[in-house]
Amino acid sequence: MRILAAFLAAVIGGCAAVPATGPVPEPGPGPAARTENFAVASLMDGARADAAAGRLANAAASLERALRIEPRNPRLWQELELARVRLKQGDYAQAENVAARSNSWAGDDSGLRAENWRLIAQARDARGDAAGARAALETAERQR
């Protein structure tokens, strides 16, 4: 019985000491990082599903939770749809701000920065700022 108790204590103790996932590196100035955090990945998947189903408020809420976990991940700001969700919601100023924030963390990921500038152009165009939209598209082209 003592052997069984010792074995169970070792197994249970070992399970408690091993984290479910490794440490999540902070995105740095290099290429935009994809997440290794299971919670963030789950929130991203849920946000994509909500956005596809037209539940934009739910998608935005999930993305904002993910950003509280990984605030420096540029993909969460843009690719993950927060800028796109704000654009679809008609919140053009917020869409532009979110895309600009994504650019601040994008490092040398020129593709991500170009896509952010295209989103900024769409937001400006929707607000009636044709000159600003053209300038944003020109900046997107220079990112290549």
N, C-alpha and C. Protein backbone atom coordinates (compact mmCIF):
# COMPACT_ATOMS: atom_id res chain seq x y z
N MET A 1 0.82 -1.19 0.00
CA MET A 1 0.00 0.00 0.00
C MET A 1 0.87 1.26 0.00
N ARG A 2 1.95 1.24 0.77
CA ARG A 2 2.83 2.40 0.80
C ARG A 2 3.50 2.60 -0.56
N ILE A 3 3.80 1.53 -1.23
CA ILE A 3 4.42 1.65 -2.55
C ILE A 3 3.44 2.31 -3.52
N LEU A 4 2.17 1.89 -3.48
CA LEU A 4 1.15 2.48 -4.33
C LEU A 4 0.97 3.97 -4.00
N ALA A 5 0.95 4.31 -2.73
CA ALA A 5 0.80 5.71 -2.32
C ALA A 5 1.99 6.54 -2.78
N ALA A 6 3.20 5.98 -2.66
CA ALA A 6 4.39 6.70 -3.10
C ALA A 6 4.38 6.89 -4.62
N PHE A 7 3.95 5.83 -5.32
CA PHE A 7 3.87 5.93 -6.77
C PHE A 7 2.87 7.00 -7.20
N LEU A 8 1.68 7.00 -6.60
CA LEU A 8 0.66 7.99 -6.93
C LEU A 8 1.12 9.40 -6.59
N ALA A 9 1.80 9.55 -5.46
CA ALA A 9 2.31 10.88 -5.09
C ALA A 9 3.33 11.36 -6.11
N ALA A 10 4.19 10.46 -6.58
CA ALA A 10 5.20 10.84 -7.57
C ALA A 10 4.55 11.21 -8.89
N VAL A 11 3.55 10.43 -9.31
CA VAL A 11 2.88 10.70 -10.58
C VAL A 11 2.11 12.00 -10.49
N ILE A 12 1.34 12.18 -9.44
CA ILE A 12 0.54 13.40 -9.28
C ILE A 12 1.46 14.61 -9.12
N GLY A 13 2.48 14.48 -8.32
CA GLY A 13 3.43 15.59 -8.14
C GLY A 13 4.13 15.94 -9.43
N GLY A 14 4.49 14.93 -10.20
CA GLY A 14 5.14 15.18 -11.48
C GLY A 14 4.22 15.87 -12.46
N CYS A 15 2.95 15.51 -12.45
CA CYS A 15 2.00 16.16 -13.34
C CYS A 15 1.80 17.62 -12.96
N ALA A 16 1.77 17.88 -11.69
CA ALA A 16 1.56 19.27 -11.25
C ALA A 16 2.76 20.14 -11.56
N ALA A 17 3.93 19.55 -11.64
CA ALA A 17 5.14 20.35 -11.84
C ALA A 17 5.42 20.63 -13.32
N VAL A 18 4.79 19.88 -14.23
CA VAL A 18 5.06 20.06 -15.64
C VAL A 18 3.99 20.95 -16.25
N PRO A 19 4.36 22.08 -16.79
CA PRO A 19 3.36 22.96 -17.39
C PRO A 19 2.77 22.33 -18.65
N ALA A 20 1.53 22.66 -18.96
CA ALA A 20 0.85 22.12 -20.12
C ALA A 20 1.49 22.61 -21.41
N THR A 21 1.97 23.82 -21.43
CA THR A 21 2.67 24.35 -22.60
C THR A 21 3.93 25.02 -22.12
N GLY A 22 4.87 25.17 -23.03
CA GLY A 22 6.11 25.85 -22.69
C GLY A 22 5.89 27.34 -22.56
N PRO A 23 6.93 28.05 -22.19
CA PRO A 23 6.80 29.50 -22.08
C PRO A 23 6.51 30.11 -23.45
N VAL A 24 5.72 31.15 -23.46
CA VAL A 24 5.35 31.81 -24.69
C VAL A 24 6.28 32.98 -24.90
N PRO A 25 7.07 32.95 -25.97
CA PRO A 25 7.98 34.07 -26.21
C PRO A 25 7.20 35.32 -26.60
N GLU A 26 7.67 36.45 -26.15
CA GLU A 26 7.08 37.73 -26.54
C GLU A 26 7.51 38.02 -27.96
N PRO A 27 6.59 38.46 -28.82
CA PRO A 27 7.01 38.85 -30.15
C PRO A 27 8.02 39.98 -30.07
N GLY A 28 9.04 39.88 -30.83
CA GLY A 28 10.08 40.90 -30.81
C GLY A 28 10.06 41.72 -32.07
N PRO A 29 11.16 42.39 -32.34
CA PRO A 29 11.21 43.24 -33.51
C PRO A 29 11.34 42.46 -34.81
N GLY A 30 11.51 41.16 -34.76
CA GLY A 30 11.65 40.36 -35.96
C GLY A 30 10.30 40.09 -36.60
N PRO A 31 10.21 39.02 -37.41
CA PRO A 31 8.95 38.71 -38.08
C PRO A 31 7.84 38.50 -37.06
N ALA A 32 6.64 38.83 -37.46
CA ALA A 32 5.49 38.70 -36.57
C ALA A 32 5.34 37.25 -36.12
N ALA A 33 5.21 37.07 -34.83
CA ALA A 33 5.16 35.74 -34.26
C ALA A 33 3.75 35.18 -34.29
N ARG A 34 3.64 33.91 -34.52
CA ARG A 34 2.39 33.18 -34.34
C ARG A 34 2.38 32.76 -32.87
N THR A 35 1.21 32.57 -32.32
CA THR A 35 1.13 32.25 -30.91
C THR A 35 1.41 30.78 -30.65
N GLU A 36 1.98 30.50 -29.50
CA GLU A 36 2.17 29.14 -29.02
C GLU A 36 1.31 28.93 -27.78
N ASN A 37 0.55 29.93 -27.40
CA ASN A 37 -0.28 29.88 -26.21
C ASN A 37 -1.63 29.28 -26.59
N PHE A 38 -1.99 28.16 -25.93
CA PHE A 38 -3.22 27.45 -26.25
C PHE A 38 -4.44 28.33 -26.05
N ALA A 39 -4.47 29.11 -24.97
CA ALA A 39 -5.62 29.97 -24.70
C ALA A 39 -5.79 31.01 -25.80
N VAL A 40 -4.69 31.60 -26.25
CA VAL A 40 -4.76 32.60 -27.31
C VAL A 40 -5.21 31.94 -28.61
N ALA A 41 -4.66 30.79 -28.92
CA ALA A 41 -5.06 30.08 -30.15
C ALA A 41 -6.55 29.75 -30.13
N SER A 42 -7.05 29.34 -28.98
CA SER A 42 -8.47 29.03 -28.85
C SER A 42 -9.32 30.28 -29.03
N LEU A 43 -8.89 31.38 -28.43
CA LEU A 43 -9.62 32.64 -28.59
C LEU A 43 -9.60 33.09 -30.05
N MET A 44 -8.47 32.89 -30.74
CA MET A 44 -8.36 33.25 -32.15
C MET A 44 -9.34 32.44 -32.99
N ASP A 45 -9.40 31.15 -32.74
CA ASP A 45 -10.31 30.29 -33.49
C ASP A 45 -11.76 30.70 -33.25
N GLY A 46 -12.09 30.98 -32.00
CA GLY A 46 -13.45 31.41 -31.68
C GLY A 46 -13.79 32.73 -32.33
N ALA A 47 -12.83 33.64 -32.34
CA ALA A 47 -13.06 34.95 -32.96
C ALA A 47 -13.29 34.81 -34.46
N ARG A 48 -12.52 33.95 -35.10
CA ARG A 48 -12.71 33.75 -36.54
C ARG A 48 -14.09 33.17 -36.82
N ALA A 49 -14.50 32.20 -36.02
CA ALA A 49 -15.82 31.60 -36.20
C ALA A 49 -16.92 32.63 -35.97
N ASP A 50 -16.78 33.43 -34.92
CA ASP A 50 -17.78 34.46 -34.63
C ASP A 50 -17.85 35.49 -35.75
N ALA A 51 -16.69 35.93 -36.26
CA ALA A 51 -16.68 36.91 -37.33
C ALA A 51 -17.33 36.35 -38.59
N ALA A 52 -17.03 35.09 -38.91
CA ALA A 52 -17.62 34.46 -40.09
C ALA A 52 -19.14 34.35 -39.97
N ALA A 53 -19.62 34.18 -38.73
CA ALA A 53 -21.07 34.05 -38.49
C ALA A 53 -21.74 35.40 -38.30
N GLY A 54 -20.96 36.48 -38.40
CA GLY A 54 -21.54 37.80 -38.24
C GLY A 54 -21.68 38.27 -36.80
N ARG A 55 -21.15 37.51 -35.87
CA ARG A 55 -21.20 37.90 -34.45
C ARG A 55 -19.96 38.74 -34.14
N LEU A 56 -19.95 39.95 -34.69
CA LEU A 56 -18.76 40.80 -34.63
C LEU A 56 -18.43 41.25 -33.21
N ALA A 57 -19.43 41.53 -32.40
CA ALA A 57 -19.16 41.94 -31.02
C ALA A 57 -18.49 40.81 -30.25
N ASN A 58 -18.95 39.58 -30.46
CA ASN A 58 -18.32 38.43 -29.80
C ASN A 58 -16.89 38.23 -30.29
N ALA A 59 -16.68 38.39 -31.61
CA ALA A 59 -15.35 38.24 -32.17
C ALA A 59 -14.40 39.27 -31.57
N ALA A 60 -14.86 40.51 -31.49
CA ALA A 60 -14.01 41.58 -30.93
C ALA A 60 -13.70 41.29 -29.46
N ALA A 61 -14.67 40.82 -28.71
CA ALA A 61 -14.44 40.53 -27.29
C ALA A 61 -13.39 39.42 -27.13
N SER A 62 -13.46 38.39 -27.95
CA SER A 62 -12.47 37.31 -27.89
C SER A 62 -11.09 37.81 -28.24
N LEU A 63 -11.00 38.64 -29.26
CA LEU A 63 -9.70 39.17 -29.67
C LEU A 63 -9.12 40.09 -28.60
N GLU A 64 -9.97 40.87 -27.96
CA GLU A 64 -9.48 41.74 -26.89
C GLU A 64 -8.97 40.92 -25.70
N ARG A 65 -9.62 39.79 -25.41
CA ARG A 65 -9.11 38.91 -24.34
C ARG A 65 -7.75 38.35 -24.74
N ALA A 66 -7.62 37.93 -26.00
CA ALA A 66 -6.33 37.40 -26.47
C ALA A 66 -5.25 38.46 -26.38
N LEU A 67 -5.60 39.69 -26.68
CA LEU A 67 -4.62 40.78 -26.61
C LEU A 67 -4.19 41.08 -25.18
N ARG A 68 -5.05 40.83 -24.22
CA ARG A 68 -4.62 41.00 -22.82
C ARG A 68 -3.57 39.96 -22.45
N ILE A 69 -3.60 38.82 -23.12
CA ILE A 69 -2.62 37.76 -22.86
C ILE A 69 -1.33 38.04 -23.63
N GLU A 70 -1.44 38.42 -24.91
CA GLU A 70 -0.28 38.67 -25.77
C GLU A 70 -0.41 40.04 -26.42
N PRO A 71 -0.21 41.11 -25.67
CA PRO A 71 -0.45 42.45 -26.21
C PRO A 71 0.54 42.88 -27.29
N ARG A 72 1.67 42.21 -27.40
CA ARG A 72 2.67 42.62 -28.39
C ARG A 72 2.65 41.74 -29.64
N ASN A 73 1.62 40.92 -29.80
CA ASN A 73 1.53 40.05 -30.96
C ASN A 73 0.80 40.80 -32.08
N PRO A 74 1.53 41.23 -33.14
CA PRO A 74 0.90 42.03 -34.19
C PRO A 74 -0.18 41.28 -34.95
N ARG A 75 -0.08 39.97 -35.00
CA ARG A 75 -1.09 39.18 -35.71
C ARG A 75 -2.45 39.29 -35.01
N LEU A 76 -2.43 39.42 -33.69
CA LEU A 76 -3.69 39.59 -32.98
C LEU A 76 -4.34 40.93 -33.32
N TRP A 77 -3.52 41.94 -33.52
CA TRP A 77 -4.07 43.26 -33.83
C TRP A 77 -4.65 43.31 -35.23
N GLN A 78 -4.06 42.60 -36.18
CA GLN A 78 -4.50 42.75 -37.56
C GLN A 78 -5.00 41.44 -38.16
N GLU A 79 -4.13 40.49 -38.37
CA GLU A 79 -4.51 39.28 -39.09
C GLU A 79 -5.65 38.58 -38.40
N LEU A 80 -5.62 38.64 -37.11
CA LEU A 80 -6.63 37.99 -36.31
C LEU A 80 -7.95 38.67 -36.37
N GLU A 81 -8.04 39.67 -37.15
CA GLU A 81 -9.31 40.27 -37.43
C GLU A 81 -9.72 41.45 -36.58
N LEU A 82 -9.03 41.85 -35.54
CA LEU A 82 -9.54 42.96 -34.75
C LEU A 82 -9.70 44.20 -35.62
N ALA A 83 -8.71 44.51 -36.43
CA ALA A 83 -8.86 45.66 -37.32
C ALA A 83 -9.98 45.40 -38.33
N ARG A 84 -10.05 44.19 -38.83
CA ARG A 84 -11.09 43.84 -39.81
C ARG A 84 -12.47 43.86 -39.16
N VAL A 85 -12.57 43.36 -37.94
CA VAL A 85 -13.85 43.38 -37.23
C VAL A 85 -14.32 44.82 -37.03
N ARG A 86 -13.41 45.69 -36.60
CA ARG A 86 -13.78 47.09 -36.40
C ARG A 86 -14.21 47.72 -37.72
N LEU A 87 -13.55 47.35 -38.82
CA LEU A 87 -13.92 47.86 -40.13
C LEU A 87 -15.34 47.39 -40.48
N LYS A 88 -15.61 46.10 -40.27
CA LYS A 88 -16.94 45.56 -40.56
C LYS A 88 -18.01 46.18 -39.66
N GLN A 89 -17.65 46.54 -38.46
CA GLN A 89 -18.60 47.16 -37.54
C GLN A 89 -18.86 48.62 -37.90
N GLY A 90 -18.09 49.16 -38.83
CA GLY A 90 -18.26 50.56 -39.21
C GLY A 90 -17.52 51.51 -38.29
N ASP A 91 -16.67 50.97 -37.44
CA ASP A 91 -15.86 51.80 -36.54
C ASP A 91 -14.53 52.06 -37.24
N TYR A 92 -14.55 52.95 -38.22
CA TYR A 92 -13.42 53.16 -39.11
C TYR A 92 -12.21 53.75 -38.40
N ALA A 93 -12.44 54.68 -37.50
CA ALA A 93 -11.32 55.27 -36.76
C ALA A 93 -10.62 54.21 -35.92
N GLN A 94 -11.39 53.35 -35.26
CA GLN A 94 -10.80 52.29 -34.44
C GLN A 94 -10.08 51.27 -35.32
N ALA A 95 -10.65 50.96 -36.48
CA ALA A 95 -9.99 50.02 -37.41
C ALA A 95 -8.62 50.57 -37.81
N GLU A 96 -8.57 51.86 -38.11
CA GLU A 96 -7.30 52.47 -38.49
C GLU A 96 -6.31 52.44 -37.32
N ASN A 97 -6.79 52.75 -36.14
CA ASN A 97 -5.91 52.73 -34.95
C ASN A 97 -5.37 51.33 -34.68
N VAL A 98 -6.23 50.33 -34.80
CA VAL A 98 -5.80 48.95 -34.53
C VAL A 98 -4.77 48.50 -35.57
N ALA A 99 -4.99 48.85 -36.85
CA ALA A 99 -4.02 48.48 -37.89
C ALA A 99 -2.68 49.19 -37.65
N ALA A 100 -2.74 50.44 -37.22
CA ALA A 100 -1.50 51.17 -36.91
C ALA A 100 -0.79 50.52 -35.72
N ARG A 101 -1.53 50.07 -34.73
CA ARG A 101 -0.93 49.39 -33.58
C ARG A 101 -0.26 48.10 -34.02
N SER A 102 -0.91 47.37 -34.93
CA SER A 102 -0.30 46.15 -35.47
C SER A 102 1.03 46.48 -36.13
N ASN A 103 1.07 47.59 -36.88
CA ASN A 103 2.32 47.99 -37.53
C ASN A 103 3.41 48.28 -36.51
N SER A 104 3.04 48.81 -35.35
CA SER A 104 4.05 49.13 -34.35
C SER A 104 4.74 47.89 -33.80
N TRP A 105 4.11 46.73 -33.90
CA TRP A 105 4.70 45.47 -33.41
C TRP A 105 5.15 44.56 -34.55
N ALA A 106 4.96 44.96 -35.80
CA ALA A 106 5.19 44.07 -36.94
C ALA A 106 6.65 43.83 -37.27
N GLY A 107 7.55 44.63 -36.71
CA GLY A 107 8.97 44.43 -36.99
C GLY A 107 9.27 44.52 -38.47
N ASP A 108 9.99 43.53 -38.99
CA ASP A 108 10.35 43.57 -40.42
C ASP A 108 9.41 42.74 -41.29
N ASP A 109 8.22 42.46 -40.79
CA ASP A 109 7.21 41.71 -41.57
C ASP A 109 6.52 42.67 -42.53
N SER A 110 7.11 42.85 -43.70
CA SER A 110 6.59 43.83 -44.66
C SER A 110 5.22 43.44 -45.21
N GLY A 111 4.95 42.15 -45.30
CA GLY A 111 3.64 41.70 -45.77
C GLY A 111 2.53 42.10 -44.80
N LEU A 112 2.80 41.94 -43.53
CA LEU A 112 1.82 42.33 -42.51
C LEU A 112 1.63 43.84 -42.52
N ARG A 113 2.73 44.58 -42.59
CA ARG A 113 2.62 46.04 -42.62
C ARG A 113 1.85 46.51 -43.85
N ALA A 114 2.09 45.90 -45.01
CA ALA A 114 1.37 46.28 -46.23
C ALA A 114 -0.12 46.01 -46.07
N GLU A 115 -0.46 44.86 -45.52
CA GLU A 115 -1.88 44.55 -45.30
C GLU A 115 -2.51 45.53 -44.33
N ASN A 116 -1.79 45.92 -43.30
CA ASN A 116 -2.30 46.93 -42.37
C ASN A 116 -2.58 48.24 -43.10
N TRP A 117 -1.67 48.65 -43.98
CA TRP A 117 -1.88 49.89 -44.72
C TRP A 117 -3.07 49.79 -45.65
N ARG A 118 -3.33 48.60 -46.20
CA ARG A 118 -4.51 48.42 -47.04
C ARG A 118 -5.79 48.54 -46.20
N LEU A 119 -5.74 48.02 -44.98
CA LEU A 119 -6.89 48.18 -44.07
C LEU A 119 -7.10 49.65 -43.71
N ILE A 120 -6.00 50.35 -43.47
CA ILE A 120 -6.09 51.79 -43.17
C ILE A 120 -6.71 52.52 -44.36
N ALA A 121 -6.31 52.14 -45.57
CA ALA A 121 -6.88 52.76 -46.77
C ALA A 121 -8.39 52.53 -46.84
N GLN A 122 -8.82 51.31 -46.54
CA GLN A 122 -10.25 51.01 -46.56
C GLN A 122 -11.00 51.85 -45.53
N ALA A 123 -10.43 51.98 -44.35
CA ALA A 123 -11.07 52.76 -43.29
C ALA A 123 -11.16 54.23 -43.70
N ARG A 124 -10.09 54.77 -44.26
CA ARG A 124 -10.09 56.17 -44.69
C ARG A 124 -11.09 56.39 -45.82
N ASP A 125 -11.12 55.47 -46.77
CA ASP A 125 -12.06 55.57 -47.87
C ASP A 125 -13.50 55.55 -47.36
N ALA A 126 -13.79 54.69 -46.42
CA ALA A 126 -15.14 54.60 -45.85
C ALA A 126 -15.54 55.88 -45.13
N ARG A 127 -14.55 56.60 -44.60
CA ARG A 127 -14.83 57.88 -43.93
C ARG A 127 -14.87 59.04 -44.93
N GLY A 128 -14.64 58.75 -46.20
CA GLY A 128 -14.67 59.81 -47.21
C GLY A 128 -13.35 60.52 -47.41
N ASP A 129 -12.27 59.97 -46.88
CA ASP A 129 -10.95 60.57 -47.02
C ASP A 129 -10.21 59.90 -48.17
N ALA A 130 -10.57 60.32 -49.41
CA ALA A 130 -9.99 59.69 -50.60
C ALA A 130 -8.49 59.93 -50.69
N ALA A 131 -8.03 61.13 -50.35
CA ALA A 131 -6.60 61.43 -50.41
C ALA A 131 -5.84 60.59 -49.39
N GLY A 132 -6.38 60.47 -48.19
CA GLY A 132 -5.74 59.65 -47.16
C GLY A 132 -5.70 58.18 -47.55
N ALA A 133 -6.77 57.71 -48.20
CA ALA A 133 -6.81 56.32 -48.66
C ALA A 133 -5.75 56.08 -49.72
N ARG A 134 -5.61 57.03 -50.66
CA ARG A 134 -4.57 56.89 -51.70
C ARG A 134 -3.18 56.87 -51.07
N ALA A 135 -2.95 57.75 -50.11
CA ALA A 135 -1.64 57.79 -49.44
C ALA A 135 -1.36 56.48 -48.72
N ALA A 136 -2.37 55.90 -48.09
CA ALA A 136 -2.18 54.63 -47.39
C ALA A 136 -1.88 53.51 -48.38
N LEU A 137 -2.56 53.50 -49.53
CA LEU A 137 -2.28 52.48 -50.55
C LEU A 137 -0.87 52.62 -51.12
N GLU A 138 -0.42 53.86 -51.29
CA GLU A 138 0.95 54.09 -51.76
C GLU A 138 1.96 53.56 -50.74
N THR A 139 1.67 53.79 -49.48
CA THR A 139 2.55 53.27 -48.41
C THR A 139 2.54 51.75 -48.43
N ALA A 140 1.37 51.15 -48.65
CA ALA A 140 1.29 49.68 -48.73
C ALA A 140 2.17 49.15 -49.85
N GLU A 141 2.14 49.82 -50.99
CA GLU A 141 2.96 49.40 -52.12
C GLU A 141 4.46 49.50 -51.82
N ARG A 142 4.85 50.49 -51.07
CA ARG A 142 6.28 50.66 -50.71
C ARG A 142 6.75 49.61 -49.71
N GLN A 143 5.86 48.91 -49.05
CA GLN A 143 6.24 47.90 -48.06
C GLN A 143 6.80 46.64 -48.71
N ARG A 144 6.56 46.46 -49.96
CA ARG A 144 7.00 45.23 -50.65
C ARG A 144 8.48 45.15 -50.77
